[in-house]
Amino acid sequence: MRLIPTAIGYLRSDVSGIRQSWDETQIRSLAGRLGYNLTKTVAFSGRTCDPVARLITMARDAHADAVITPGITHFDGAIPAELDAVAAVITVAPKPASTFGRSRPNESTASS
């Protein structure tokens, strides 16, 4: 059983644009404030093939409890249900941070 929950940061570089470095800082800061161990931040571009599927694979491999993102615009305006089934999604903006809860526990917490 892990004492500190794990998170992955996620953003789309084409959505962040010149704010990418700031968005990454905001993700790290929010993870720390919420008590998550941020294992990595993933930045995909608009040309990335199936970014949600890739993110889900990374979240499962990392046994992530949450994915932290600057906002839902990085998911084209809606949290993908298939991601929600794997990890909670937490957005930096709008403030205060919003959490979109996982609809079922992932394998790492189900066996605890």
N, C-alpha and C. Protein backbone atom coordinates (compact mmCIF):
# COMPACT_ATOMS: atom_id res chain seq x y z
N MET A 1 0.84 -1.18 0.00
CA MET A 1 0.00 0.00 0.00
C MET A 1 0.89 1.25 0.00
N ARG A 2 0.61 2.16 -0.90
CA ARG A 2 1.36 3.41 -0.97
C ARG A 2 0.79 4.42 0.00
N LEU A 3 1.67 5.13 0.69
CA LEU A 3 1.22 6.17 1.61
C LEU A 3 0.97 7.49 0.90
N ILE A 4 1.71 7.73 -0.18
CA ILE A 4 1.57 8.97 -0.93
C ILE A 4 0.97 8.64 -2.29
N PRO A 5 -0.17 9.23 -2.64
CA PRO A 5 -0.77 8.94 -3.95
C PRO A 5 0.11 9.47 -5.09
N THR A 6 0.02 8.80 -6.21
CA THR A 6 0.84 9.12 -7.38
C THR A 6 0.01 9.84 -8.44
N ALA A 7 0.65 10.80 -9.10
CA ALA A 7 -0.02 11.53 -10.18
C ALA A 7 0.93 11.67 -11.37
N ILE A 8 0.31 11.86 -12.53
CA ILE A 8 1.01 12.19 -13.77
C ILE A 8 0.48 13.54 -14.22
N GLY A 9 1.35 14.40 -14.68
CA GLY A 9 0.93 15.65 -15.28
C GLY A 9 0.68 15.44 -16.77
N TYR A 10 -0.27 16.16 -17.32
CA TYR A 10 -0.57 16.03 -18.75
C TYR A 10 -0.92 17.39 -19.33
N LEU A 11 -0.36 17.66 -20.50
CA LEU A 11 -0.76 18.85 -21.24
C LEU A 11 -0.54 18.63 -22.72
N ARG A 12 -1.21 19.46 -23.49
CA ARG A 12 -1.00 19.48 -24.94
C ARG A 12 -0.19 20.73 -25.25
N SER A 13 0.95 20.53 -25.87
CA SER A 13 1.84 21.66 -26.15
C SER A 13 1.20 22.67 -27.10
N ASP A 14 0.33 22.20 -28.00
CA ASP A 14 -0.34 23.13 -28.91
C ASP A 14 -1.39 23.97 -28.20
N VAL A 15 -1.93 23.47 -27.11
CA VAL A 15 -2.91 24.23 -26.32
C VAL A 15 -2.17 25.20 -25.39
N SER A 16 -1.11 24.73 -24.76
CA SER A 16 -0.33 25.59 -23.85
C SER A 16 0.41 26.68 -24.61
N GLY A 17 0.95 26.35 -25.76
CA GLY A 17 1.72 27.33 -26.53
C GLY A 17 2.90 27.85 -25.73
N ILE A 18 3.05 29.17 -25.70
CA ILE A 18 4.19 29.76 -25.00
C ILE A 18 4.06 29.66 -23.49
N ARG A 19 2.90 29.24 -23.01
CA ARG A 19 2.67 29.07 -21.57
C ARG A 19 3.04 27.67 -21.08
N GLN A 20 3.63 26.85 -21.92
CA GLN A 20 3.89 25.46 -21.54
C GLN A 20 4.73 25.36 -20.26
N SER A 21 5.79 26.12 -20.16
CA SER A 21 6.63 26.07 -18.97
C SER A 21 5.83 26.47 -17.72
N TRP A 22 5.01 27.51 -17.85
CA TRP A 22 4.15 27.95 -16.74
C TRP A 22 3.13 26.87 -16.38
N ASP A 23 2.53 26.26 -17.39
CA ASP A 23 1.55 25.19 -17.14
C ASP A 23 2.21 24.02 -16.39
N GLU A 24 3.43 23.67 -16.79
CA GLU A 24 4.14 22.59 -16.11
C GLU A 24 4.43 22.96 -14.65
N THR A 25 4.79 24.20 -14.41
CA THR A 25 5.02 24.68 -13.05
C THR A 25 3.74 24.60 -12.23
N GLN A 26 2.62 25.00 -12.83
CA GLN A 26 1.33 24.96 -12.13
C GLN A 26 0.93 23.52 -11.79
N ILE A 27 1.20 22.60 -12.70
CA ILE A 27 0.91 21.18 -12.45
C ILE A 27 1.73 20.68 -11.26
N ARG A 28 3.03 20.97 -11.26
CA ARG A 28 3.90 20.54 -10.15
C ARG A 28 3.44 21.15 -8.82
N SER A 29 3.11 22.42 -8.86
CA SER A 29 2.69 23.11 -7.65
C SER A 29 1.41 22.51 -7.08
N LEU A 30 0.42 22.29 -7.94
CA LEU A 30 -0.85 21.73 -7.48
C LEU A 30 -0.66 20.31 -6.95
N ALA A 31 0.15 19.52 -7.62
CA ALA A 31 0.41 18.16 -7.15
C ALA A 31 0.98 18.20 -5.74
N GLY A 32 1.94 19.07 -5.51
CA GLY A 32 2.53 19.19 -4.18
C GLY A 32 1.53 19.66 -3.14
N ARG A 33 0.72 20.66 -3.48
CA ARG A 33 -0.28 21.17 -2.54
C ARG A 33 -1.30 20.11 -2.16
N LEU A 34 -1.64 19.24 -3.12
CA LEU A 34 -2.64 18.21 -2.88
C LEU A 34 -2.05 16.92 -2.30
N GLY A 35 -0.72 16.88 -2.15
CA GLY A 35 -0.07 15.72 -1.54
C GLY A 35 0.23 14.58 -2.49
N TYR A 36 0.29 14.84 -3.78
CA TYR A 36 0.60 13.80 -4.76
C TYR A 36 2.10 13.76 -5.04
N ASN A 37 2.59 12.57 -5.31
CA ASN A 37 3.93 12.37 -5.83
C ASN A 37 3.81 12.44 -7.36
N LEU A 38 4.23 13.55 -7.95
CA LEU A 38 4.15 13.72 -9.40
C LEU A 38 5.33 12.99 -10.03
N THR A 39 5.04 11.89 -10.71
CA THR A 39 6.12 11.06 -11.26
C THR A 39 6.66 11.57 -12.58
N LYS A 40 5.81 12.22 -13.37
CA LYS A 40 6.23 12.77 -14.65
C LYS A 40 5.15 13.68 -15.19
N THR A 41 5.54 14.53 -16.13
CA THR A 41 4.58 15.34 -16.87
C THR A 41 4.75 15.01 -18.34
N VAL A 42 3.65 14.67 -18.98
CA VAL A 42 3.64 14.29 -20.39
C VAL A 42 3.10 15.45 -21.21
N ALA A 43 3.82 15.79 -22.27
CA ALA A 43 3.37 16.85 -23.18
C ALA A 43 3.24 16.26 -24.58
N PHE A 44 2.02 16.20 -25.06
CA PHE A 44 1.77 15.74 -26.43
C PHE A 44 1.42 16.93 -27.30
N SER A 45 1.64 16.79 -28.59
CA SER A 45 1.27 17.86 -29.51
C SER A 45 -0.06 17.53 -30.16
N GLY A 46 -0.57 18.45 -30.94
CA GLY A 46 -1.80 18.23 -31.68
C GLY A 46 -1.66 17.15 -32.74
N ARG A 47 -0.43 16.82 -33.07
CA ARG A 47 -0.18 15.78 -34.09
C ARG A 47 0.04 14.40 -33.50
N THR A 48 0.01 14.31 -32.16
CA THR A 48 0.21 13.01 -31.51
C THR A 48 -0.97 12.10 -31.84
N CYS A 49 -0.65 10.91 -32.27
CA CYS A 49 -1.68 9.92 -32.61
C CYS A 49 -2.27 9.35 -31.33
N ASP A 50 -3.57 9.49 -31.15
CA ASP A 50 -4.34 8.95 -30.03
C ASP A 50 -3.72 9.28 -28.66
N PRO A 51 -3.63 10.57 -28.34
CA PRO A 51 -2.99 10.96 -27.07
C PRO A 51 -3.69 10.42 -25.83
N VAL A 52 -5.00 10.28 -25.86
CA VAL A 52 -5.71 9.78 -24.68
C VAL A 52 -5.34 8.32 -24.42
N ALA A 53 -5.29 7.51 -25.45
CA ALA A 53 -4.90 6.10 -25.28
C ALA A 53 -3.48 6.00 -24.73
N ARG A 54 -2.60 6.84 -25.23
CA ARG A 54 -1.21 6.84 -24.74
C ARG A 54 -1.16 7.28 -23.28
N LEU A 55 -1.94 8.29 -22.93
CA LEU A 55 -1.98 8.77 -21.56
C LEU A 55 -2.53 7.70 -20.62
N ILE A 56 -3.57 7.01 -21.04
CA ILE A 56 -4.15 5.94 -20.23
C ILE A 56 -3.12 4.85 -19.97
N THR A 57 -2.38 4.46 -21.00
CA THR A 57 -1.34 3.45 -20.84
C THR A 57 -0.29 3.91 -19.84
N MET A 58 0.12 5.17 -19.95
CA MET A 58 1.11 5.70 -19.01
C MET A 58 0.57 5.75 -17.59
N ALA A 59 -0.68 6.13 -17.43
CA ALA A 59 -1.29 6.20 -16.10
C ALA A 59 -1.38 4.81 -15.48
N ARG A 60 -1.76 3.83 -16.28
CA ARG A 60 -1.82 2.45 -15.77
C ARG A 60 -0.43 1.95 -15.40
N ASP A 61 0.53 2.17 -16.27
CA ASP A 61 1.90 1.71 -16.00
C ASP A 61 2.48 2.34 -14.74
N ALA A 62 2.14 3.59 -14.48
CA ALA A 62 2.64 4.30 -13.30
C ALA A 62 1.77 4.06 -12.06
N HIS A 63 0.67 3.31 -12.23
CA HIS A 63 -0.29 3.11 -11.14
C HIS A 63 -0.74 4.46 -10.58
N ALA A 64 -0.99 5.40 -11.48
CA ALA A 64 -1.35 6.76 -11.08
C ALA A 64 -2.75 6.81 -10.50
N ASP A 65 -2.87 7.53 -9.42
CA ASP A 65 -4.18 7.77 -8.80
C ASP A 65 -4.87 8.95 -9.48
N ALA A 66 -4.06 9.84 -10.08
CA ALA A 66 -4.63 11.05 -10.69
C ALA A 66 -3.79 11.51 -11.87
N VAL A 67 -4.46 12.23 -12.76
CA VAL A 67 -3.81 12.94 -13.86
C VAL A 67 -4.12 14.41 -13.62
N ILE A 68 -3.07 15.22 -13.57
CA ILE A 68 -3.25 16.66 -13.33
C ILE A 68 -2.96 17.40 -14.62
N THR A 69 -3.89 18.26 -15.02
CA THR A 69 -3.80 18.97 -16.28
C THR A 69 -4.13 20.45 -16.06
N PRO A 70 -3.63 21.34 -16.91
CA PRO A 70 -3.94 22.76 -16.74
C PRO A 70 -5.44 23.07 -16.82
N GLY A 71 -6.18 22.35 -17.66
CA GLY A 71 -7.61 22.58 -17.82
C GLY A 71 -8.19 21.58 -18.80
N ILE A 72 -9.51 21.54 -18.87
CA ILE A 72 -10.14 20.56 -19.76
C ILE A 72 -9.94 20.89 -21.24
N THR A 73 -9.47 22.09 -21.54
CA THR A 73 -9.17 22.41 -22.94
C THR A 73 -8.07 21.49 -23.48
N HIS A 74 -7.27 20.92 -22.60
CA HIS A 74 -6.22 20.00 -23.02
C HIS A 74 -6.80 18.64 -23.42
N PHE A 75 -8.09 18.46 -23.17
CA PHE A 75 -8.84 17.28 -23.62
C PHE A 75 -9.94 17.68 -24.59
N ASP A 76 -9.75 18.78 -25.29
CA ASP A 76 -10.74 19.29 -26.24
C ASP A 76 -12.09 19.57 -25.57
N GLY A 77 -12.05 19.95 -24.29
CA GLY A 77 -13.26 20.43 -23.62
C GLY A 77 -14.03 19.42 -22.81
N ALA A 78 -13.64 18.15 -22.82
CA ALA A 78 -14.38 17.14 -22.05
C ALA A 78 -13.42 16.05 -21.57
N ILE A 79 -13.58 15.65 -20.32
CA ILE A 79 -12.74 14.59 -19.77
C ILE A 79 -13.16 13.27 -20.41
N PRO A 80 -12.23 12.56 -21.04
CA PRO A 80 -12.58 11.28 -21.67
C PRO A 80 -13.02 10.24 -20.62
N ALA A 81 -14.14 9.60 -20.85
CA ALA A 81 -14.66 8.61 -19.92
C ALA A 81 -13.68 7.47 -19.69
N GLU A 82 -12.97 7.08 -20.73
CA GLU A 82 -12.03 5.97 -20.58
C GLU A 82 -10.85 6.35 -19.68
N LEU A 83 -10.48 7.62 -19.63
CA LEU A 83 -9.44 8.07 -18.70
C LEU A 83 -10.00 8.15 -17.29
N ASP A 84 -11.21 8.65 -17.16
CA ASP A 84 -11.89 8.75 -15.86
C ASP A 84 -12.01 7.38 -15.19
N ALA A 85 -12.08 6.32 -15.98
CA ALA A 85 -12.18 4.97 -15.44
C ALA A 85 -10.86 4.49 -14.85
N VAL A 86 -9.76 5.16 -15.21
CA VAL A 86 -8.43 4.73 -14.78
C VAL A 86 -7.90 5.58 -13.62
N ALA A 87 -8.11 6.90 -13.68
CA ALA A 87 -7.55 7.80 -12.67
C ALA A 87 -8.44 9.03 -12.55
N ALA A 88 -8.40 9.65 -11.39
CA ALA A 88 -9.08 10.93 -11.21
C ALA A 88 -8.37 11.96 -12.08
N VAL A 89 -9.11 12.90 -12.62
CA VAL A 89 -8.52 13.98 -13.41
C VAL A 89 -8.71 15.27 -12.63
N ILE A 90 -7.60 15.97 -12.39
CA ILE A 90 -7.61 17.20 -11.62
C ILE A 90 -7.14 18.33 -12.52
N THR A 91 -7.91 19.41 -12.58
CA THR A 91 -7.53 20.55 -13.41
C THR A 91 -7.04 21.70 -12.54
N VAL A 92 -6.00 22.37 -13.02
CA VAL A 92 -5.46 23.54 -12.33
C VAL A 92 -6.46 24.69 -12.41
N ALA A 93 -7.02 24.90 -13.57
CA ALA A 93 -7.97 26.00 -13.80
C ALA A 93 -9.30 25.42 -14.24
N PRO A 94 -10.39 26.02 -13.96
CA PRO A 94 -10.49 27.28 -13.22
C PRO A 94 -10.19 27.05 -11.74
N LYS A 95 -9.77 28.10 -11.09
CA LYS A 95 -9.45 28.02 -9.66
C LYS A 95 -10.73 28.14 -8.85
N PRO A 96 -10.89 27.44 -7.75
CA PRO A 96 -9.97 26.45 -7.24
C PRO A 96 -9.95 25.22 -8.14
N ALA A 97 -8.94 24.39 -7.95
CA ALA A 97 -8.78 23.21 -8.79
C ALA A 97 -10.04 22.36 -8.77
N SER A 98 -10.35 21.77 -9.92
CA SER A 98 -11.51 20.89 -10.04
C SER A 98 -11.04 19.45 -10.16
N THR A 99 -11.74 18.54 -9.50
CA THR A 99 -11.43 17.13 -9.58
C THR A 99 -12.59 16.41 -10.22
N PHE A 100 -12.28 15.61 -11.22
CA PHE A 100 -13.25 14.77 -11.88
C PHE A 100 -12.96 13.36 -11.41
N GLY A 101 -13.81 12.83 -10.52
CA GLY A 101 -13.53 11.57 -9.84
C GLY A 101 -13.54 10.37 -10.74
N ARG A 102 -12.74 9.43 -10.34
CA ARG A 102 -12.67 8.17 -11.06
C ARG A 102 -13.97 7.42 -10.84
N SER A 103 -14.48 6.81 -11.89
CA SER A 103 -15.75 6.10 -11.79
C SER A 103 -15.61 4.72 -11.17
N ARG A 104 -14.40 4.18 -11.15
CA ARG A 104 -14.14 2.91 -10.48
C ARG A 104 -12.67 2.89 -10.08
N PRO A 105 -12.30 2.18 -9.02
CA PRO A 105 -10.90 2.15 -8.61
C PRO A 105 -10.05 1.43 -9.64
N ASN A 106 -8.78 1.88 -9.76
CA ASN A 106 -7.89 1.16 -10.67
C ASN A 106 -7.31 -0.05 -9.96
N GLU A 107 -6.59 -0.86 -10.69
CA GLU A 107 -6.09 -2.11 -10.16
C GLU A 107 -5.16 -1.91 -8.97
N SER A 108 -4.41 -0.82 -8.94
CA SER A 108 -3.45 -0.60 -7.86
C SER A 108 -4.13 -0.36 -6.52
N THR A 109 -5.32 0.24 -6.52
CA THR A 109 -6.00 0.49 -5.26
C THR A 109 -7.04 -0.58 -4.95
N ALA A 110 -7.49 -1.33 -5.94
CA ALA A 110 -8.51 -2.34 -5.72
C ALA A 110 -7.96 -3.51 -4.90
N SER A 111 -6.67 -3.79 -5.04
CA SER A 111 -6.09 -4.93 -4.33
C SER A 111 -5.55 -4.55 -2.97
N SER A 112 -5.60 -3.29 -2.59
CA SER A 112 -5.07 -2.85 -1.30
C SER A 112 -6.01 -3.19 -0.18
